[in-house]
Amino acid sequence: MSSRLHVVYTESPSLDSLRPVLAELPQPPKDARITIKPNLVVAKPSSSGATTDPELVACVIQYLQEAGYRDIRIAEGSWVGERSTSHAYRVCGYEEISRKYNVPLIDLKRDKARKVDSSGLEIEVCEEILATDFLINMPVLKAHCQTRITCALKNLKGCIPDREKRRFHSLGLHRPIAAVNSIVKNGWIIVDGIIGDLTFEEGGTPIRMDKIIIGTDPVLVDAYAVQLLGYELRDVPYVLMAAELGVGSADLSKAEIVEHGE
């Protein structure tokens, strides 16, 4: 896991701008089962500030397919108010990506789950995620009404069944968010910071930030996001909790921030 973070400044994603950065990251094993996990919490287009830009996901798929990877899927479980994730896939433009690149869309709300222990806390995790060899976590940089921010660590809450999402809230969110990240390992984190929402996780007040944040350490990525959105680490407890569980480092003083396209 690297202490390097890449920040790509751009108004829209392009493979030309992302390719050299992705090439610097540790590459998946050639026969890896690769899962891309966007944030499609609600059925709203990325212009709302709520969901991951499908064009950014398309760039990552193109990069992987150019490199010879074929076992690629997109997996997500929308918020508990949706019966299925298929509505979000359609509204957010992911059905077109699926057809164009022959990549299946997995609805984690319909997946089976298995209990896994994390430091004494049992968490149900979707079997599709547990079977993944290489997870590409693609959150949106935005605010959250309960946890202040949502980025890489909290995006993995979409990898659990709805009943477990409800239990996470009953447990106060922070400890279980940290715990699930000790179970589900990130390969790459590619944060859509092009358009986000600094007031609410479901969008509606979009703001342009024109950046993509890329790294391999979800704790470091979130520590950077916390700072970027004007908070302190103590304001978002799950970041330090995840660091204490060995998920990654929250020490930005030891991070190397590499900027591209300023």
C-alpha atoms as a PDB file:
ATOM      1  CA  MET A   1       0.000   0.000   0.000  1.00  0.00           C
ATOM      2  CA  SER A   2       1.504   3.289  -1.129  1.00  0.00           C
ATOM      3  CA  SER A   3       1.619   6.648   0.671  1.00  0.00           C
ATOM      4  CA  ARG A   4       1.356   8.384  -2.699  1.00  0.00           C
ATOM      5  CA  LEU A   5      -1.846  10.142  -3.743  1.00  0.00           C
ATOM      6  CA  HIS A   6      -2.461  11.420  -7.243  1.00  0.00           C
ATOM      7  CA  VAL A   7      -4.719  14.409  -7.861  1.00  0.00           C
ATOM      8  CA  VAL A   8      -5.744  14.825 -11.497  1.00  0.00           C
ATOM      9  CA  TYR A   9      -7.261  18.231 -12.267  1.00  0.00           C
ATOM     10  CA  THR A  10      -9.826  17.950 -15.039  1.00  0.00           C
ATOM     11  CA  GLU A  11     -13.316  19.127 -15.968  1.00  0.00           C
ATOM     12  CA  SER A  12     -14.179  15.729 -17.432  1.00  0.00           C
ATOM     13  CA  PRO A  13     -12.571  12.287 -17.280  1.00  0.00           C
ATOM     14  CA  SER A  14     -10.433  11.077 -20.160  1.00  0.00           C
ATOM     15  CA  LEU A  15      -8.339   7.983 -20.639  1.00  0.00           C
ATOM     16  CA  ASP A  16      -5.424  10.103 -21.868  1.00  0.00           C
ATOM     17  CA  SER A  17      -5.211  11.918 -18.523  1.00  0.00           C
ATOM     18  CA  LEU A  18      -5.785   8.810 -16.410  1.00  0.00           C
ATOM     19  CA  ARG A  19      -3.652   6.243 -18.251  1.00  0.00           C
ATOM     20  CA  PRO A  20      -0.211   7.390 -17.007  1.00  0.00           C
ATOM     21  CA  VAL A  21      -1.475   7.607 -13.416  1.00  0.00           C
ATOM     22  CA  LEU A  22      -3.155   4.198 -13.452  1.00  0.00           C
ATOM     23  CA  ALA A  23      -0.007   2.700 -14.980  1.00  0.00           C
ATOM     24  CA  GLU A  24       1.962   3.805 -11.900  1.00  0.00           C
ATOM     25  CA  LEU A  25      -0.294   1.844  -9.541  1.00  0.00           C
ATOM     26  CA  PRO A  26       0.218  -1.830  -8.631  1.00  0.00           C
ATOM     27  CA  GLN A  27      -1.524  -3.715 -11.438  1.00  0.00           C
ATOM     28  CA  PRO A  28      -4.077  -6.492 -10.823  1.00  0.00           C
ATOM     29  CA  PRO A  29      -2.898 -10.072 -11.420  1.00  0.00           C
ATOM     30  CA  LYS A  30      -3.581 -10.996 -15.044  1.00  0.00           C
ATOM     31  CA  ASP A  31      -6.243 -13.566 -14.161  1.00  0.00           C
ATOM     32  CA  ALA A  32      -7.854 -11.415 -11.469  1.00  0.00           C
ATOM     33  CA  ARG A  33     -11.597 -11.235 -10.921  1.00  0.00           C
ATOM     34  CA  ILE A  34     -11.983  -7.432 -10.931  1.00  0.00           C
ATOM     35  CA  THR A  35     -14.924  -5.593  -9.398  1.00  0.00           C
ATOM     36  CA  ILE A  36     -15.595  -1.883  -9.843  1.00  0.00           C
ATOM     37  CA  LYS A  37     -17.636  -0.408  -6.978  1.00  0.00           C
ATOM     38  CA  PRO A  38     -19.091   3.042  -7.821  1.00  0.00           C
ATOM     39  CA  ASN A  39     -21.365   5.119  -5.593  1.00  0.00           C
ATOM     40  CA  LEU A  40     -24.913   4.844  -6.919  1.00  0.00           C
ATOM     41  CA  VAL A  41     -26.643   5.431  -3.612  1.00  0.00           C
ATOM     42  CA  VAL A  42     -29.629   7.003  -5.394  1.00  0.00           C
ATOM     43  CA  ALA A  43     -30.976   6.980  -8.940  1.00  0.00           C
ATOM     44  CA  LYS A  44     -29.661  10.414  -9.918  1.00  0.00           C
ATOM     45  CA  PRO A  45     -27.164  11.329 -12.645  1.00  0.00           C
ATOM     46  CA  SER A  46     -23.634  12.328 -11.677  1.00  0.00           C
ATOM     47  CA  SER A  47     -24.465  15.959 -12.495  1.00  0.00           C
ATOM     48  CA  SER A  48     -26.533  15.970  -9.279  1.00  0.00           C
ATOM     49  CA  GLY A  49     -23.353  15.543  -7.216  1.00  0.00           C
ATOM     50  CA  ALA A  50     -24.612  12.241  -5.773  1.00  0.00           C
ATOM     51  CA  THR A  51     -23.240   9.477  -8.004  1.00  0.00           C
ATOM     52  CA  THR A  52     -20.072   8.354  -9.749  1.00  0.00           C
ATOM     53  CA  ASP A  53     -19.644   9.675 -13.296  1.00  0.00           C
ATOM     54  CA  PRO A  54     -20.151   6.753 -15.720  1.00  0.00           C
ATOM     55  CA  GLU A  55     -17.564   8.239 -18.065  1.00  0.00           C
ATOM     56  CA  LEU A  56     -14.938   7.927 -15.337  1.00  0.00           C
ATOM     57  CA  VAL A  57     -15.890   4.275 -14.869  1.00  0.00           C
ATOM     58  CA  ALA A  58     -15.748   3.788 -18.648  1.00  0.00           C
ATOM     59  CA  CYS A  59     -12.174   5.153 -18.716  1.00  0.00           C
ATOM     60  CA  VAL A  60     -11.100   2.625 -16.073  1.00  0.00           C
ATOM     61  CA  ILE A  61     -12.735  -0.238 -17.988  1.00  0.00           C
ATOM     62  CA  GLN A  62     -11.019   0.854 -21.208  1.00  0.00           C
ATOM     63  CA  TYR A  63      -7.658   0.945 -19.434  1.00  0.00           C
ATOM     64  CA  LEU A  64      -8.167  -2.550 -18.024  1.00  0.00           C
ATOM     65  CA  GLN A  65      -9.371  -4.032 -21.304  1.00  0.00           C
ATOM     66  CA  GLU A  66      -6.471  -2.464 -23.205  1.00  0.00           C
ATOM     67  CA  ALA A  67      -4.165  -4.218 -20.723  1.00  0.00           C
ATOM     68  CA  GLY A  68      -5.828  -7.567 -21.429  1.00  0.00           C
ATOM     69  CA  TYR A  69      -8.161  -7.895 -18.442  1.00  0.00           C
ATOM     70  CA  ARG A  70     -11.472  -9.542 -19.273  1.00  0.00           C
ATOM     71  CA  ASP A  71     -13.019 -10.652 -15.960  1.00  0.00           C
ATOM     72  CA  ILE A  72     -14.499  -7.281 -14.997  1.00  0.00           C
ATOM     73  CA  ARG A  73     -17.826  -6.424 -13.393  1.00  0.00           C
ATOM     74  CA  ILE A  74     -19.550  -3.422 -11.824  1.00  0.00           C
ATOM     75  CA  ALA A  75     -21.215  -4.076  -8.462  1.00  0.00           C
ATOM     76  CA  GLU A  76     -23.322  -1.828  -6.266  1.00  0.00           C
ATOM     77  CA  GLY A  77     -26.159  -1.909  -3.773  1.00  0.00           C
ATOM     78  CA  SER A  78     -28.218   1.290  -3.679  1.00  0.00           C
ATOM     79  CA  TRP A  79     -29.768   2.707  -0.517  1.00  0.00           C
ATOM     80  CA  VAL A  80     -32.361   0.703   1.394  1.00  0.00           C
ATOM     81  CA  GLY A  81     -35.249   2.715  -0.051  1.00  0.00           C
ATOM     82  CA  GLU A  82     -34.684   1.203  -3.502  1.00  0.00           C
ATOM     83  CA  ARG A  83     -36.018  -2.300  -4.210  1.00  0.00           C
ATOM     84  CA  SER A  84     -33.151  -2.965  -6.588  1.00  0.00           C
ATOM     85  CA  THR A  85     -30.076  -1.218  -7.959  1.00  0.00           C
ATOM     86  CA  SER A  86     -31.246  -1.660 -11.559  1.00  0.00           C
ATOM     87  CA  HIS A  87     -33.103   1.677 -11.458  1.00  0.00           C
ATOM     88  CA  ALA A  88     -29.916   3.501 -10.458  1.00  0.00           C
ATOM     89  CA  TYR A  89     -27.891   1.640 -13.103  1.00  0.00           C
ATOM     90  CA  ARG A  90     -30.355   2.805 -15.746  1.00  0.00           C
ATOM     91  CA  VAL A  91     -30.765   6.429 -14.612  1.00  0.00           C
ATOM     92  CA  CYS A  92     -27.041   6.915 -13.966  1.00  0.00           C
ATOM     93  CA  GLY A  93     -25.976   5.712 -17.435  1.00  0.00           C
ATOM     94  CA  TYR A  94     -24.428   2.372 -16.480  1.00  0.00           C
ATOM     95  CA  GLU A  95     -26.574   0.167 -18.721  1.00  0.00           C
ATOM     96  CA  GLU A  96     -24.958   1.800 -21.752  1.00  0.00           C
ATOM     97  CA  ILE A  97     -21.480   1.113 -20.334  1.00  0.00           C
ATOM     98  CA  SER A  98     -22.440  -2.496 -19.683  1.00  0.00           C
ATOM     99  CA  ARG A  99     -23.524  -2.972 -23.296  1.00  0.00           C
ATOM    100  CA  LYS A 100     -20.603  -1.100 -24.825  1.00  0.00           C
ATOM    101  CA  TYR A 101     -17.839  -2.878 -22.910  1.00  0.00           C
ATOM    102  CA  ASN A 102     -19.601  -6.205 -22.239  1.00  0.00           C
ATOM    103  CA  VAL A 103     -19.277  -5.754 -18.478  1.00  0.00           C
ATOM    104  CA  PRO A 104     -22.044  -7.179 -16.256  1.00  0.00           C
ATOM    105  CA  LEU A 105     -23.906  -5.062 -13.698  1.00  0.00           C
ATOM    106  CA  ILE A 106     -24.249  -6.849 -10.359  1.00  0.00           C
ATOM    107  CA  ASP A 107     -27.039  -5.848  -7.969  1.00  0.00           C
ATOM    108  CA  LEU A 108     -25.622  -6.491  -4.512  1.00  0.00           C
ATOM    109  CA  LYS A 109     -29.073  -6.031  -2.988  1.00  0.00           C
ATOM    110  CA  ARG A 110     -29.935  -9.405  -4.531  1.00  0.00           C
ATOM    111  CA  ASP A 111     -26.699 -11.130  -3.582  1.00  0.00           C
ATOM    112  CA  LYS A 112     -26.202 -13.641  -0.786  1.00  0.00           C
ATOM    113  CA  ALA A 113     -24.069 -12.557   2.164  1.00  0.00           C
ATOM    114  CA  ARG A 114     -21.746 -14.195   4.644  1.00  0.00           C
ATOM    115  CA  LYS A 115     -20.780 -13.178   8.181  1.00  0.00           C
ATOM    116  CA  VAL A 116     -17.136 -12.250   8.666  1.00  0.00           C
ATOM    117  CA  ASP A 117     -15.476 -11.251  11.931  1.00  0.00           C
ATOM    118  CA  SER A 118     -13.530  -8.021  12.338  1.00  0.00           C
ATOM    119  CA  SER A 119     -11.964  -7.572  15.780  1.00  0.00           C
ATOM    120  CA  GLY A 120     -14.982  -9.060  17.516  1.00  0.00           C
ATOM    121  CA  LEU A 121     -17.615  -7.400  15.344  1.00  0.00           C
ATOM    122  CA  GLU A 122     -19.391  -9.744  12.933  1.00  0.00           C
ATOM    123  CA  ILE A 123     -20.382  -8.135   9.647  1.00  0.00           C
ATOM    124  CA  GLU A 124     -22.407  -9.570   6.789  1.00  0.00           C
ATOM    125  CA  VAL A 125     -20.634  -8.958   3.477  1.00  0.00           C
ATOM    126  CA  CYS A 126     -22.015  -9.761   0.023  1.00  0.00           C
ATOM    127  CA  GLU A 127     -20.511 -12.925  -1.436  1.00  0.00           C
ATOM    128  CA  GLU A 128     -19.801 -11.229  -4.772  1.00  0.00           C
ATOM    129  CA  ILE A 129     -17.443  -8.855  -2.963  1.00  0.00           C
ATOM    130  CA  LEU A 130     -15.801 -11.606  -0.930  1.00  0.00           C
ATOM    131  CA  ALA A 131     -15.118 -13.513  -4.168  1.00  0.00           C
ATOM    132  CA  THR A 132     -13.392 -10.516  -5.756  1.00  0.00           C
ATOM    133  CA  ASP A 133      -9.637 -10.634  -6.315  1.00  0.00           C
ATOM    134  CA  PHE A 134      -9.192  -6.921  -6.999  1.00  0.00           C
ATOM    135  CA  LEU A 135     -11.627  -4.208  -5.920  1.00  0.00           C
ATOM    136  CA  ILE A 136     -11.617  -0.802  -7.586  1.00  0.00           C
ATOM    137  CA  ASN A 137     -13.390   1.565  -5.213  1.00  0.00           C
ATOM    138  CA  MET A 138     -14.858   4.572  -7.082  1.00  0.00           C
ATOM    139  CA  PRO A 139     -16.652   6.857  -4.616  1.00  0.00           C
ATOM    140  CA  VAL A 140     -17.857  10.427  -4.989  1.00  0.00           C
ATOM    141  CA  LEU A 141     -16.295  13.159  -2.873  1.00  0.00           C
ATOM    142  CA  LYS A 142     -19.253  14.642  -0.988  1.00  0.00           C
ATOM    143  CA  ALA A 143     -20.767  15.549   2.345  1.00  0.00           C
ATOM    144  CA  HIS A 144     -22.871  13.263   4.524  1.00  0.00           C
ATOM    145  CA  CYS A 145     -25.563  14.290   6.989  1.00  0.00           C
ATOM    146  CA  GLN A 146     -24.385  11.857   9.689  1.00  0.00           C
ATOM    147  CA  THR A 147     -20.665  11.296   9.126  1.00  0.00           C
ATOM    148  CA  ARG A 148     -19.712  14.744   7.746  1.00  0.00           C
ATOM    149  CA  ILE A 149     -18.087  13.258   4.631  1.00  0.00           C
ATOM    150  CA  THR A 150     -18.431  10.158   2.481  1.00  0.00           C
ATOM    151  CA  CYS A 151     -15.581   8.971   0.308  1.00  0.00           C
ATOM    152  CA  ALA A 152     -13.545   5.743   0.016  1.00  0.00           C
ATOM    153  CA  LEU A 153     -14.153   4.079   3.387  1.00  0.00           C
ATOM    154  CA  LYS A 154     -17.874   4.723   3.582  1.00  0.00           C
ATOM    155  CA  ASN A 155     -18.436   3.685  -0.044  1.00  0.00           C
ATOM    156  CA  LEU A 156     -17.897   0.061   1.007  1.00  0.00           C
ATOM    157  CA  LYS A 157     -21.160   0.239   2.947  1.00  0.00           C
ATOM    158  CA  GLY A 158     -22.684  -0.559  -0.448  1.00  0.00           C
ATOM    159  CA  CYS A 159     -21.031  -4.005  -0.227  1.00  0.00           C
ATOM    160  CA  ILE A 160     -23.353  -5.250   2.508  1.00  0.00           C
ATOM    161  CA  PRO A 161     -27.038  -6.314   2.434  1.00  0.00           C
ATOM    162  CA  ASP A 162     -29.813  -3.876   3.355  1.00  0.00           C
ATOM    163  CA  ARG A 163     -30.445  -5.460   6.752  1.00  0.00           C
ATOM    164  CA  GLU A 164     -26.798  -4.888   7.596  1.00  0.00           C
ATOM    165  CA  LYS A 165     -26.942  -1.283   6.392  1.00  0.00           C
ATOM    166  CA  ARG A 166     -29.769  -0.716   8.878  1.00  0.00           C
ATOM    167  CA  ARG A 167     -27.701  -2.340  11.638  1.00  0.00           C
ATOM    168  CA  PHE A 168     -24.723  -0.113  10.784  1.00  0.00           C
ATOM    169  CA  HIS A 169     -26.897   2.894  11.631  1.00  0.00           C
ATOM    170  CA  SER A 170     -27.971   1.316  14.920  1.00  0.00           C
ATOM    171  CA  LEU A 171     -24.278   0.841  15.756  1.00  0.00           C
ATOM    172  CA  GLY A 172     -23.492   4.489  15.070  1.00  0.00           C
ATOM    173  CA  LEU A 173     -21.928   3.981  11.613  1.00  0.00           C
ATOM    174  CA  HIS A 174     -18.306   4.798  12.478  1.00  0.00           C
ATOM    175  CA  ARG A 175     -17.107   1.546  14.048  1.00  0.00           C
ATOM    176  CA  PRO A 176     -18.774  -0.755  11.482  1.00  0.00           C
ATOM    177  CA  ILE A 177     -17.556   1.390   8.555  1.00  0.00           C
ATOM    178  CA  ALA A 178     -13.994   0.983   9.826  1.00  0.00           C
ATOM    179  CA  ALA A 179     -14.573  -2.730  10.427  1.00  0.00           C
ATOM    180  CA  VAL A 180     -15.923  -3.525   6.958  1.00  0.00           C
ATOM    181  CA  ASN A 181     -12.809  -1.945   5.481  1.00  0.00           C
ATOM    182  CA  SER A 182     -10.643  -4.349   7.463  1.00  0.00           C
ATOM    183  CA  ILE A 183     -12.523  -7.175   5.720  1.00  0.00           C
ATOM    184  CA  VAL A 184     -12.902  -5.833   2.176  1.00  0.00           C
ATOM    185  CA  LYS A 185      -9.553  -4.805   0.709  1.00  0.00           C
ATOM    186  CA  ASN A 186      -9.177  -2.032  -1.848  1.00  0.00           C
ATOM    187  CA  GLY A 187      -6.969  -2.520  -4.887  1.00  0.00           C
ATOM    188  CA  TRP A 188      -7.333   0.983  -6.300  1.00  0.00           C
ATOM    189  CA  ILE A 189      -9.315   3.976  -5.068  1.00  0.00           C
ATOM    190  CA  ILE A 190     -10.404   6.404  -7.780  1.00  0.00           C
ATOM    191  CA  VAL A 191     -12.445   9.257  -6.317  1.00  0.00           C
ATOM    192  CA  ASP A 192     -14.842  11.184  -8.522  1.00  0.00           C
ATOM    193  CA  GLY A 193     -14.262  14.726  -7.309  1.00  0.00           C
ATOM    194  CA  ILE A 194     -15.382  16.317 -10.558  1.00  0.00           C
ATOM    195  CA  ILE A 195     -18.870  17.166  -9.299  1.00  0.00           C
ATOM    196  CA  GLY A 196     -19.864  16.544  -5.689  1.00  0.00           C
ATOM    197  CA  ASP A 197     -22.238  17.935  -3.096  1.00  0.00           C
ATOM    198  CA  LEU A 198     -20.913  19.657   0.006  1.00  0.00           C
ATOM    199  CA  THR A 199     -24.250  19.620   1.815  1.00  0.00           C
ATOM    200  CA  PHE A 200     -25.951  16.227   1.338  1.00  0.00           C
ATOM    201  CA  GLU A 201     -25.044  12.701   0.233  1.00  0.00           C
ATOM    202  CA  GLU A 202     -28.075  12.385  -2.062  1.00  0.00           C
ATOM    203  CA  GLY A 203     -27.059  15.369  -4.193  1.00  0.00           C
ATOM    204  CA  GLY A 204     -29.212  18.278  -5.293  1.00  0.00           C
ATOM    205  CA  THR A 205     -26.708  21.043  -4.580  1.00  0.00           C
ATOM    206  CA  PRO A 206     -23.915  20.093  -6.967  1.00  0.00           C
ATOM    207  CA  ILE A 207     -20.597  21.869  -6.941  1.00  0.00           C
ATOM    208  CA  ARG A 208     -17.754  21.528  -9.415  1.00  0.00           C
ATOM    209  CA  MET A 209     -14.426  20.545  -7.890  1.00  0.00           C
ATOM    210  CA  ASP A 210     -12.812  19.321 -11.124  1.00  0.00           C
ATOM    211  CA  LYS A 211     -10.485  16.735  -9.616  1.00  0.00           C
ATOM    212  CA  ILE A 212      -9.972  12.973  -9.498  1.00  0.00           C
ATOM    213  CA  ILE A 213      -8.107  11.563  -6.488  1.00  0.00           C
ATOM    214  CA  ILE A 214      -6.296   8.260  -6.994  1.00  0.00           C
ATOM    215  CA  GLY A 215      -4.489   6.042  -4.510  1.00  0.00           C
ATOM    216  CA  THR A 216      -4.261   2.605  -2.942  1.00  0.00           C
ATOM    217  CA  ASP A 217      -4.761   3.468   0.750  1.00  0.00           C
ATOM    218  CA  PRO A 218      -8.431   4.223   1.568  1.00  0.00           C
ATOM    219  CA  VAL A 219      -7.561   5.735   4.946  1.00  0.00           C
ATOM    220  CA  LEU A 220      -5.063   8.136   3.391  1.00  0.00           C
ATOM    221  CA  VAL A 221      -7.529   9.022   0.635  1.00  0.00           C
ATOM    222  CA  ASP A 222     -10.198   9.806   3.223  1.00  0.00           C
ATOM    223  CA  ALA A 223      -7.777  11.766   5.413  1.00  0.00           C
ATOM    224  CA  TYR A 224      -7.032  13.911   2.363  1.00  0.00           C
ATOM    225  CA  ALA A 225     -10.776  14.265   1.655  1.00  0.00           C
ATOM    226  CA  VAL A 226     -11.434  15.309   5.261  1.00  0.00           C
ATOM    227  CA  GLN A 227      -8.838  18.069   4.947  1.00  0.00           C
ATOM    228  CA  LEU A 228     -10.088  19.080   1.510  1.00  0.00           C
ATOM    229  CA  LEU A 229     -13.627  19.574   2.787  1.00  0.00           C
ATOM    230  CA  GLY A 230     -12.450  21.658   5.739  1.00  0.00           C
ATOM    231  CA  TYR A 231     -12.765  19.174   8.597  1.00  0.00           C
ATOM    232  CA  GLU A 232     -10.365  17.697  11.148  1.00  0.00           C
ATOM    233  CA  LEU A 233      -9.819  13.958  11.545  1.00  0.00           C
ATOM    234  CA  ARG A 234     -11.573  14.072  14.910  1.00  0.00           C
ATOM    235  CA  ASP A 235     -14.721  15.217  13.066  1.00  0.00           C
ATOM    236  CA  VAL A 236     -14.877  11.932  11.102  1.00  0.00           C
ATOM    237  CA  PRO A 237     -14.081   9.194  13.664  1.00  0.00           C
ATOM    238  CA  TYR A 238     -14.197   6.219  11.288  1.00  0.00           C
ATOM    239  CA  VAL A 239     -11.029   7.387   9.517  1.00  0.00           C
ATOM    240  CA  LEU A 240      -8.836   7.034  12.620  1.00  0.00           C
ATOM    241  CA  MET A 241     -10.733   3.893  13.652  1.00  0.00           C
ATOM    242  CA  ALA A 242      -9.824   2.317  10.315  1.00  0.00           C
ATOM    243  CA  ALA A 243      -6.203   3.352  10.810  1.00  0.00           C
ATOM    244  CA  GLU A 244      -6.207   1.689  14.233  1.00  0.00           C
ATOM    245  CA  LEU A 245      -7.485  -1.529  12.612  1.00  0.00           C
ATOM    246  CA  GLY A 246      -4.522  -1.474  10.222  1.00  0.00           C
ATOM    247  CA  VAL A 247      -6.526  -0.563   7.118  1.00  0.00           C
ATOM    248  CA  GLY A 248      -4.124   2.248   6.221  1.00  0.00           C
ATOM    249  CA  SER A 249      -2.471   5.453   7.397  1.00  0.00           C
ATOM    250  CA  ALA A 250      -4.189   8.744   8.234  1.00  0.00           C
ATOM    251  CA  ASP A 251      -0.870  10.625   8.473  1.00  0.00           C
ATOM    252  CA  LEU A 252      -0.904  13.143   5.624  1.00  0.00           C
ATOM    253  CA  SER A 253       2.477  14.511   6.736  1.00  0.00           C
ATOM    254  CA  LYS A 254       4.045  11.328   5.365  1.00  0.00           C
ATOM    255  CA  ALA A 255       1.999  11.316   2.150  1.00  0.00           C
ATOM    256  CA  GLU A 256       3.334  12.269  -1.251  1.00  0.00           C
ATOM    257  CA  ILE A 257       0.712  14.281  -3.134  1.00  0.00           C
ATOM    258  CA  VAL A 258       1.386  14.253  -6.874  1.00  0.00           C
ATOM    259  CA  GLU A 259      -0.648  16.755  -8.888  1.00  0.00           C
ATOM    260  CA  HIS A 260      -1.419  16.395 -12.586  1.00  0.00           C
ATOM    261  CA  GLY A 261      -2.849  18.857 -15.080  1.00  0.00           C
ATOM    262  CA  GLU A 262      -2.911  21.965 -12.925  1.00  0.00           C
END
